[in-house]
Structures are given as C-alpha cells and as structure tokens.
C-alpha cells in the first residue's frame, strides 16, 4: 500500500489498482523516516521540507 497523489492514477500498469482513502482527512498522519546520520543533501532537504513548523 502507498499513499499517492490523485494524478498518479494516470499511470496504468497491469495488476495495479488505485483506491481512494475515505474519511481520513481529519486523521491522516504523515511520517518520514531516514537513517540517523543521513548525509545526502537531497534527503536532508526533503526531511526539512516535511518538518513540523509549529
């Protein structure tokens, strides 16, 4: 299972099915995971972009 943007539905592959999530807007939690000492700049930038702002 993966959470994907709606636009991904345009990609058609055999044995691949897209299903919408229902009633999850108030409960959806997004989590990122990386290695403790990640050095790759793009990975660090991605993690910073998703960091909590509050």
PDB file of N, CA and C in Angstrom:
ATOM      1  N   UNK A   1       0.837  -1.160   0.000  1.00  0.00           N
ATOM      2  CA  UNK A   1       0.000   0.000   0.000  1.00  0.00           C
ATOM      3  C   UNK A   1       0.889   1.232   0.000  1.00  0.00           C
ATOM      4  N   UNK A   2       0.452   2.250  -0.713  1.00  0.00           N
ATOM      5  CA  UNK A   2       1.161   3.527  -0.741  1.00  0.00           C
ATOM      6  C   UNK A   2       0.140   4.639  -0.860  1.00  0.00           C
ATOM      7  N   UNK A   3       0.421   5.760  -0.264  1.00  0.00           N
ATOM      8  CA  UNK A   3      -0.421   6.944  -0.407  1.00  0.00           C
ATOM      9  C   UNK A   3       0.188   7.769  -1.522  1.00  0.00           C
ATOM     10  N   UNK A   4      -0.605   8.005  -2.563  1.00  0.00           N
ATOM     11  CA  UNK A   4      -0.113   8.678  -3.759  1.00  0.00           C
ATOM     12  C   UNK A   4      -1.028   9.829  -4.138  1.00  0.00           C
ATOM     13  N   UNK A   5      -0.514  10.816  -4.853  1.00  0.00           N
ATOM     14  CA  UNK A   5      -1.386  11.881  -5.348  1.00  0.00           C
ATOM     15  C   UNK A   5      -2.357  11.352  -6.398  1.00  0.00           C
ATOM     16  N   UNK A   6      -3.477  11.998  -6.519  1.00  0.00           N
ATOM     17  CA  UNK A   6      -4.510  11.573  -7.472  1.00  0.00           C
ATOM     18  C   UNK A   6      -3.974  11.479  -8.897  1.00  0.00           C
ATOM     19  N   UNK A   7      -3.056  12.367  -9.263  1.00  0.00           N
ATOM     20  CA  UNK A   7      -2.519  12.368 -10.633  1.00  0.00           C
ATOM     21  C   UNK A   7      -1.838  11.048 -10.979  1.00  0.00           C
ATOM     22  N   UNK A   8      -1.408  10.304  -9.986  1.00  0.00           N
ATOM     23  CA  UNK A   8      -0.742   9.023 -10.227  1.00  0.00           C
ATOM     24  C   UNK A   8      -1.671   8.038 -10.910  1.00  0.00           C
ATOM     25  N   UNK A   9      -2.962   8.217 -10.795  1.00  0.00           N
ATOM     26  CA  UNK A   9      -3.919   7.298 -11.425  1.00  0.00           C
ATOM     27  C   UNK A   9      -3.766   7.236 -12.936  1.00  0.00           C
ATOM     28  N   UNK A  10      -3.117   8.237 -13.510  1.00  0.00           N
ATOM     29  CA  UNK A  10      -2.897   8.228 -14.968  1.00  0.00           C
ATOM     30  C   UNK A  10      -1.903   7.156 -15.381  1.00  0.00           C
ATOM     31  N   UNK A  11      -1.116   6.678 -14.440  1.00  0.00           N
ATOM     32  CA  UNK A  11      -0.144   5.622 -14.735  1.00  0.00           C
ATOM     33  C   UNK A  11      -0.867   4.285 -14.636  1.00  0.00           C
ATOM     34  N   UNK A  12      -0.989   3.609 -15.738  1.00  0.00           N
ATOM     35  CA  UNK A  12      -1.686   2.324 -15.742  1.00  0.00           C
ATOM     36  C   UNK A  12      -0.683   1.191 -15.915  1.00  0.00           C
ATOM     37  N   UNK A  13      -0.738   0.270 -14.984  1.00  0.00           N
ATOM     38  CA  UNK A  13       0.125  -0.902 -15.022  1.00  0.00           C
ATOM     39  C   UNK A  13      -0.728  -2.134 -14.749  1.00  0.00           C
ATOM     40  N   UNK A  14      -0.342  -3.269 -15.309  1.00  0.00           N
ATOM     41  CA  UNK A  14      -1.107  -4.481 -15.034  1.00  0.00           C
ATOM     42  C   UNK A  14      -1.072  -4.806 -13.537  1.00  0.00           C
ATOM     43  N   UNK A  15      -2.171  -5.298 -13.027  1.00  0.00           N
ATOM     44  CA  UNK A  15      -2.282  -5.719 -11.629  1.00  0.00           C
ATOM     45  C   UNK A  15      -2.100  -4.582 -10.626  1.00  0.00           C
ATOM     46  N   UNK A  16      -2.269  -3.343 -11.055  1.00  0.00           N
ATOM     47  CA  UNK A  16      -2.175  -2.202 -10.153  1.00  0.00           C
ATOM     48  C   UNK A  16      -3.556  -1.581 -10.017  1.00  0.00           C
ATOM     49  N   UNK A  17      -3.993  -1.392  -8.790  1.00  0.00           N
ATOM     50  CA  UNK A  17      -5.310  -0.806  -8.549  1.00  0.00           C
ATOM     51  C   UNK A  17      -5.170   0.398  -7.632  1.00  0.00           C
ATOM     52  N   UNK A  18      -5.884   1.444  -7.944  1.00  0.00           N
ATOM     53  CA  UNK A  18      -5.911   2.647  -7.116  1.00  0.00           C
ATOM     54  C   UNK A  18      -7.231   2.672  -6.370  1.00  0.00           C
ATOM     55  N   UNK A  19      -7.173   2.994  -5.102  1.00  0.00           N
ATOM     56  CA  UNK A  19      -8.381   3.100  -4.281  1.00  0.00           C
ATOM     57  C   UNK A  19      -8.297   4.388  -3.475  1.00  0.00           C
ATOM     58  N   UNK A  20      -9.355   5.170  -3.449  1.00  0.00           N
ATOM     59  CA  UNK A  20      -9.325   6.410  -2.660  1.00  0.00           C
ATOM     60  C   UNK A  20      -9.407   6.115  -1.163  1.00  0.00           C
ATOM     61  N   UNK A  21      -8.763   6.954  -0.387  1.00  0.00           N
ATOM     62  CA  UNK A  21      -8.920   6.879   1.062  1.00  0.00           C
ATOM     63  C   UNK A  21     -10.206   7.607   1.413  1.00  0.00           C
ATOM     64  N   UNK A  22     -10.951   7.069   2.324  1.00  0.00           N
ATOM     65  CA  UNK A  22     -12.218   7.697   2.706  1.00  0.00           C
ATOM     66  C   UNK A  22     -12.180   8.117   4.164  1.00  0.00           C
ATOM     67  N   UNK A  23     -12.750   9.262   4.428  1.00  0.00           N
ATOM     68  CA  UNK A  23     -12.903   9.759   5.795  1.00  0.00           C
ATOM     69  C   UNK A  23     -11.594   9.759   6.563  1.00  0.00           C
ATOM     70  N   UNK A  24     -10.517  10.183   5.934  1.00  0.00           N
ATOM     71  CA  UNK A  24      -9.225  10.173   6.629  1.00  0.00           C
ATOM     72  C   UNK A  24      -8.639  11.566   6.805  1.00  0.00           C
ATOM     73  N   UNK A  25      -9.242  12.587   6.235  1.00  0.00           N
ATOM     74  CA  UNK A  25      -8.657  13.929   6.262  1.00  0.00           C
ATOM     75  C   UNK A  25      -8.365  14.402   7.686  1.00  0.00           C
ATOM     76  N   UNK A  26      -9.222  14.082   8.621  1.00  0.00           N
ATOM     77  CA  UNK A  26      -9.018  14.533   9.996  1.00  0.00           C
ATOM     78  C   UNK A  26      -8.069  13.641  10.771  1.00  0.00           C
ATOM     79  N   UNK A  27      -7.729  12.474  10.244  1.00  0.00           N
ATOM     80  CA  UNK A  27      -6.934  11.510  10.989  1.00  0.00           C
ATOM     81  C   UNK A  27      -5.608  11.156  10.344  1.00  0.00           C
ATOM     82  N   UNK A  28      -5.339  11.662   9.176  1.00  0.00           N
ATOM     83  CA  UNK A  28      -4.153  11.265   8.433  1.00  0.00           C
ATOM     84  C   UNK A  28      -2.894  11.862   9.044  1.00  0.00           C
ATOM     85  N   UNK A  29      -1.930  11.016   9.366  1.00  0.00           N
ATOM     86  CA  UNK A  29      -0.648  11.443   9.905  1.00  0.00           C
ATOM     87  C   UNK A  29       0.436  11.053   8.906  1.00  0.00           C
ATOM     88  N   UNK A  30       1.273  12.002   8.557  1.00  0.00           N
ATOM     89  CA  UNK A  30       2.355  11.744   7.617  1.00  0.00           C
ATOM     90  C   UNK A  30       3.653  11.639   8.410  1.00  0.00           C
ATOM     91  N   UNK A  31       4.399  10.576   8.154  1.00  0.00           N
ATOM     92  CA  UNK A  31       5.629  10.312   8.889  1.00  0.00           C
ATOM     93  C   UNK A  31       6.756  10.081   7.893  1.00  0.00           C
ATOM     94  N   UNK A  32       7.923  10.645   8.173  1.00  0.00           N
ATOM     95  CA  UNK A  32       9.093  10.369   7.358  1.00  0.00           C
ATOM     96  C   UNK A  32      10.130   9.649   8.223  1.00  0.00           C
ATOM     97  N   UNK A  33      10.892   8.793   7.587  1.00  0.00           N
ATOM     98  CA  UNK A  33      11.907   8.018   8.288  1.00  0.00           C
ATOM     99  C   UNK A  33      13.189   8.079   7.470  1.00  0.00           C
ATOM    100  N   UNK A  34      14.310   8.235   8.160  1.00  0.00           N
ATOM    101  CA  UNK A  34      15.597   8.224   7.475  1.00  0.00           C
ATOM    102  C   UNK A  34      16.653   7.648   8.405  1.00  0.00           C
ATOM    103  N   UNK A  35      17.823   7.440   7.862  1.00  0.00           N
ATOM    104  CA  UNK A  35      18.935   6.975   8.687  1.00  0.00           C
ATOM    105  C   UNK A  35      19.301   8.069   9.686  1.00  0.00           C
ATOM    106  N   UNK A  36      19.773   7.700  10.877  1.00  0.00           N
ATOM    107  CA  UNK A  36      20.085   8.705  11.902  1.00  0.00           C
ATOM    108  C   UNK A  36      21.103   9.757  11.462  1.00  0.00           C
ATOM    109  N   UNK A  37      22.091   9.371  10.695  1.00  0.00           N
ATOM    110  CA  UNK A  37      23.147  10.312  10.282  1.00  0.00           C
ATOM    111  C   UNK A  37      23.149  10.516   8.775  1.00  0.00           C
ATOM    112  N   UNK A  38      21.985  10.713   8.208  1.00  0.00           N
ATOM    113  CA  UNK A  38      21.866  10.879   6.757  1.00  0.00           C
ATOM    114  C   UNK A  38      22.665  12.087   6.294  1.00  0.00           C
ATOM    115  N   UNK A  39      23.516  11.892   5.293  1.00  0.00           N
ATOM    116  CA  UNK A  39      24.364  12.965   4.788  1.00  0.00           C
ATOM    117  C   UNK A  39      23.936  13.490   3.415  1.00  0.00           C
ATOM    118  N   UNK A  40      23.133  12.733   2.694  1.00  0.00           N
ATOM    119  CA  UNK A  40      22.748  13.146   1.340  1.00  0.00           C
ATOM    120  C   UNK A  40      21.923  14.431   1.392  1.00  0.00           C
ATOM    121  N   UNK A  41      22.397  15.450   0.696  1.00  0.00           N
ATOM    122  CA  UNK A  41      21.721  16.749   0.681  1.00  0.00           C
ATOM    123  C   UNK A  41      20.258  16.690   0.272  1.00  0.00           C
ATOM    124  N   UNK A  42      19.914  15.978  -0.818  1.00  0.00           N
ATOM    125  CA  UNK A  42      18.508  15.920  -1.220  1.00  0.00           C
ATOM    126  C   UNK A  42      17.614  15.271  -0.152  1.00  0.00           C
ATOM    127  N   UNK A  43      18.121  14.258   0.515  1.00  0.00           N
ATOM    128  CA  UNK A  43      17.329  13.607   1.566  1.00  0.00           C
ATOM    129  C   UNK A  43      17.134  14.566   2.729  1.00  0.00           C
ATOM    130  N   UNK A  44      18.187  15.251   3.135  1.00  0.00           N
ATOM    131  CA  UNK A  44      18.072  16.197   4.242  1.00  0.00           C
ATOM    132  C   UNK A  44      17.111  17.327   3.893  1.00  0.00           C
ATOM    133  N   UNK A  45      17.159  17.820   2.653  1.00  0.00           N
ATOM    134  CA  UNK A  45      16.242  18.882   2.230  1.00  0.00           C
ATOM    135  C   UNK A  45      14.799  18.388   2.259  1.00  0.00           C
ATOM    136  N   UNK A  46      14.574  17.161   1.813  1.00  0.00           N
ATOM    137  CA  UNK A  46      13.226  16.591   1.835  1.00  0.00           C
ATOM    138  C   UNK A  46      12.712  16.499   3.268  1.00  0.00           C
ATOM    139  N   UNK A  47      13.569  16.041   4.173  1.00  0.00           N
ATOM    140  CA  UNK A  47      13.157  15.903   5.569  1.00  0.00           C
ATOM    141  C   UNK A  47      12.883  17.266   6.192  1.00  0.00           C
ATOM    142  N   UNK A  48      13.676  18.272   5.861  1.00  0.00           N
ATOM    143  CA  UNK A  48      13.427  19.627   6.380  1.00  0.00           C
ATOM    144  C   UNK A  48      12.099  20.169   5.851  1.00  0.00           C
ATOM    145  N   UNK A  49      11.803  19.882   4.594  1.00  0.00           N
ATOM    146  CA  UNK A  49      10.551  20.382   4.000  1.00  0.00           C
ATOM    147  C   UNK A  49       9.332  19.783   4.701  1.00  0.00           C
ATOM    148  N   UNK A  50       9.471  18.585   5.215  1.00  0.00           N
ATOM    149  CA  UNK A  50       8.350  17.932   5.879  1.00  0.00           C
ATOM    150  C   UNK A  50       8.363  18.093   7.384  1.00  0.00           C
ATOM    151  N   UNK A  51       9.358  18.842   7.903  1.00  0.00           N
ATOM    152  CA  UNK A  51       9.464  19.006   9.354  1.00  0.00           C
ATOM    153  C   UNK A  51       8.306  19.839   9.886  1.00  0.00           C
ATOM    154  N   UNK A  52       7.870  19.555  11.098  1.00  0.00           N
ATOM    155  CA  UNK A  52       6.787  20.348  11.704  1.00  0.00           C
ATOM    156  C   UNK A  52       7.194  21.823  11.784  1.00  0.00           C
ATOM    157  N   UNK A  53       6.250  22.699  11.531  1.00  0.00           N
ATOM    158  CA  UNK A  53       6.528  24.130  11.570  1.00  0.00           C
ATOM    159  C   UNK A  53       5.979  24.792  12.824  1.00  0.00           C
ATOM    160  N   UNK A  54       5.217  24.049  13.600  1.00  0.00           N
ATOM    161  CA  UNK A  54       4.624  24.650  14.805  1.00  0.00           C
ATOM    162  C   UNK A  54       5.431  24.335  16.030  1.00  0.00           C
TER     163      UNK A  54
END
